[in-house]
C-alpha cells in the first residue's frame, strides 16, 4: 500500500531572508549604540568599523529616537553629515530604516556602509 507523499517543506521565501536581515541589523544597531563608548579607542579591525566619540554620541541619540520613531532615527543619521563617518553610521541608519519599513533607503545605506568598509561582514 502506498501512502500519499508527506508535505514538502516549501523553499524559503524571500521575505524570510528580509526578516533575518532586519533582526540582525536591528540587534547590531542597538548593540553598536551601547558599545560605542567602549570601542571608540579600539584599533580598527578588518571586519568591524571603529566608532569615534562624535559618532558614539550620534548613535546614542539615534538609539533614543528609534525607540519611538525608527524612521526619524534613520533620517537623523543620514542628515548628520555622515559622509565623513565610518561605516557604522550608514549601517545603523539601515537598521533603523528597515524597522521603519523603508527598505529602499536601507539598501542604499547598506551599500554605503560596504563602500566605506568592504570587509564589513555584518553589512
Protein backbone atom coordinates (compact mmCIF):
# COMPACT_ATOMS: atom_id res chain seq x y z
CA UNK A 1 0.00 0.00 0.00
CA UNK A 2 1.35 3.37 -0.93
CA UNK A 3 0.95 6.40 1.22
CA UNK A 4 0.32 9.88 -0.05
CA UNK A 5 3.51 11.95 -0.13
CA UNK A 6 4.36 13.84 3.01
CA UNK A 7 4.00 17.56 2.69
CA UNK A 8 7.18 19.00 1.34
CA UNK A 9 8.58 22.00 3.05
CA UNK A 10 8.36 24.95 0.67
CA UNK A 11 11.58 26.74 -0.22
CA UNK A 12 12.42 29.72 1.90
CA UNK A 13 10.57 32.75 0.79
CA UNK A 14 12.39 35.96 0.02
CA UNK A 15 10.66 37.66 2.93
CA UNK A 16 12.33 35.23 5.35
CA UNK A 17 15.75 36.47 4.37
CA UNK A 18 14.47 40.02 4.84
CA UNK A 19 13.33 39.20 8.36
CA UNK A 20 16.66 37.63 9.21
CA UNK A 21 18.47 40.66 7.82
CA UNK A 22 16.21 43.02 9.75
CA UNK A 23 16.72 41.18 13.03
CA UNK A 24 20.46 41.14 12.57
CA UNK A 25 20.62 44.82 11.67
CA UNK A 26 18.30 45.94 14.44
CA UNK A 27 20.20 43.99 17.05
CA UNK A 28 23.55 45.21 15.81
CA UNK A 29 22.47 48.86 15.71
CA UNK A 30 21.27 48.70 19.30
CA UNK A 31 24.44 46.94 20.38
CA UNK A 32 26.52 49.46 18.48
CA UNK A 33 24.91 52.34 20.33
CA UNK A 34 25.63 50.63 23.64
CA UNK A 35 29.18 49.57 22.79
CA UNK A 36 30.23 52.75 21.02
CA UNK A 37 31.92 54.27 24.04
CA UNK A 38 34.00 51.18 24.69
CA UNK A 39 35.05 50.85 21.04
CA UNK A 40 35.96 54.46 20.37
CA UNK A 41 39.64 53.97 21.13
CA UNK A 42 39.89 50.41 19.80
CA UNK A 43 42.12 49.74 16.85
CA UNK A 44 40.27 49.16 13.59
CA UNK A 45 39.64 45.57 12.62
CA UNK A 46 39.26 44.27 9.08
CA UNK A 47 35.60 43.34 9.62
CA UNK A 48 34.19 45.94 12.03
CA UNK A 49 34.25 49.74 11.87
CA UNK A 50 35.59 51.81 14.70
CA UNK A 51 33.33 54.41 16.28
CA UNK A 52 34.63 57.85 17.15
CA UNK A 53 33.44 59.79 20.17
CA UNK A 54 31.32 62.03 17.92
CA UNK A 55 29.80 59.01 16.18
CA UNK A 56 29.08 57.40 19.55
CA UNK A 57 27.10 60.48 20.57
CA UNK A 58 25.13 60.42 17.30
CA UNK A 59 24.41 56.71 17.66
CA UNK A 60 23.25 57.13 21.25
CA UNK A 61 20.87 59.93 20.25
CA UNK A 62 19.60 57.88 17.30
CA UNK A 63 19.00 54.89 19.58
CA UNK A 64 16.86 57.04 21.87
CA UNK A 65 14.89 58.35 18.88
CA UNK A 66 14.46 54.86 17.43
CA UNK A 67 12.58 53.67 20.49
CA UNK A 68 9.63 55.79 19.35
CA UNK A 69 10.36 56.60 15.71
CA UNK A 70 12.94 54.45 13.90
CA UNK A 71 12.36 56.31 10.64
CA UNK A 72 13.28 59.59 12.30
CA UNK A 73 16.40 57.97 13.76
CA UNK A 74 17.46 56.82 10.29
CA UNK A 75 16.79 60.28 8.84
CA UNK A 76 18.72 61.86 11.72
CA UNK A 77 21.77 59.71 10.98
CA UNK A 78 21.55 60.39 7.25
CA UNK A 79 21.31 64.15 7.89
CA UNK A 80 24.13 64.15 10.44
CA UNK A 81 26.84 64.67 7.87
CA UNK A 82 27.78 61.02 7.87
CA UNK A 83 29.63 61.31 4.58
CA UNK A 84 32.83 61.58 6.64
CA UNK A 85 31.89 58.90 9.18
CA UNK A 86 32.91 55.28 9.41
CA UNK A 87 30.68 52.51 8.09
CA UNK A 88 28.94 52.34 11.48
CA UNK A 89 26.59 55.28 10.86
CA UNK A 90 25.17 54.20 7.50
CA UNK A 91 24.83 50.67 8.86
CA UNK A 92 22.83 51.90 11.86
CA UNK A 93 20.74 54.09 9.54
CA UNK A 94 19.97 50.95 7.51
CA UNK A 95 18.83 49.10 10.62
CA UNK A 96 16.50 51.90 11.66
CA UNK A 97 15.27 52.34 8.10
CA UNK A 98 14.32 48.66 7.93
CA UNK A 99 12.49 48.93 11.25
CA UNK A 100 10.55 51.85 9.79
CA UNK A 101 9.69 49.89 6.65
CA UNK A 102 11.90 51.93 4.30
CA UNK A 103 13.73 49.09 2.63
CA UNK A 104 14.88 51.07 -0.38
CA UNK A 105 16.73 53.66 1.70
CA UNK A 106 18.07 50.91 3.95
CA UNK A 107 19.61 49.11 0.98
CA UNK A 108 21.29 52.36 -0.04
CA UNK A 109 22.64 52.76 3.48
CA UNK A 110 24.00 49.20 3.45
CA UNK A 111 25.68 49.83 0.12
CA UNK A 112 27.26 52.96 1.57
CA UNK A 113 28.48 51.05 4.63
CA UNK A 114 30.08 48.45 2.36
CA UNK A 115 31.63 51.15 0.17
CA UNK A 116 33.33 52.55 3.28
CA UNK A 117 34.40 49.19 4.68
CA UNK A 118 34.11 46.45 2.03
CA UNK A 119 35.04 43.73 4.52
CA UNK A 120 32.29 44.75 6.98
CA UNK A 121 30.86 41.26 7.47
CA UNK A 122 27.62 42.38 9.16
CA UNK A 123 26.71 44.65 6.25
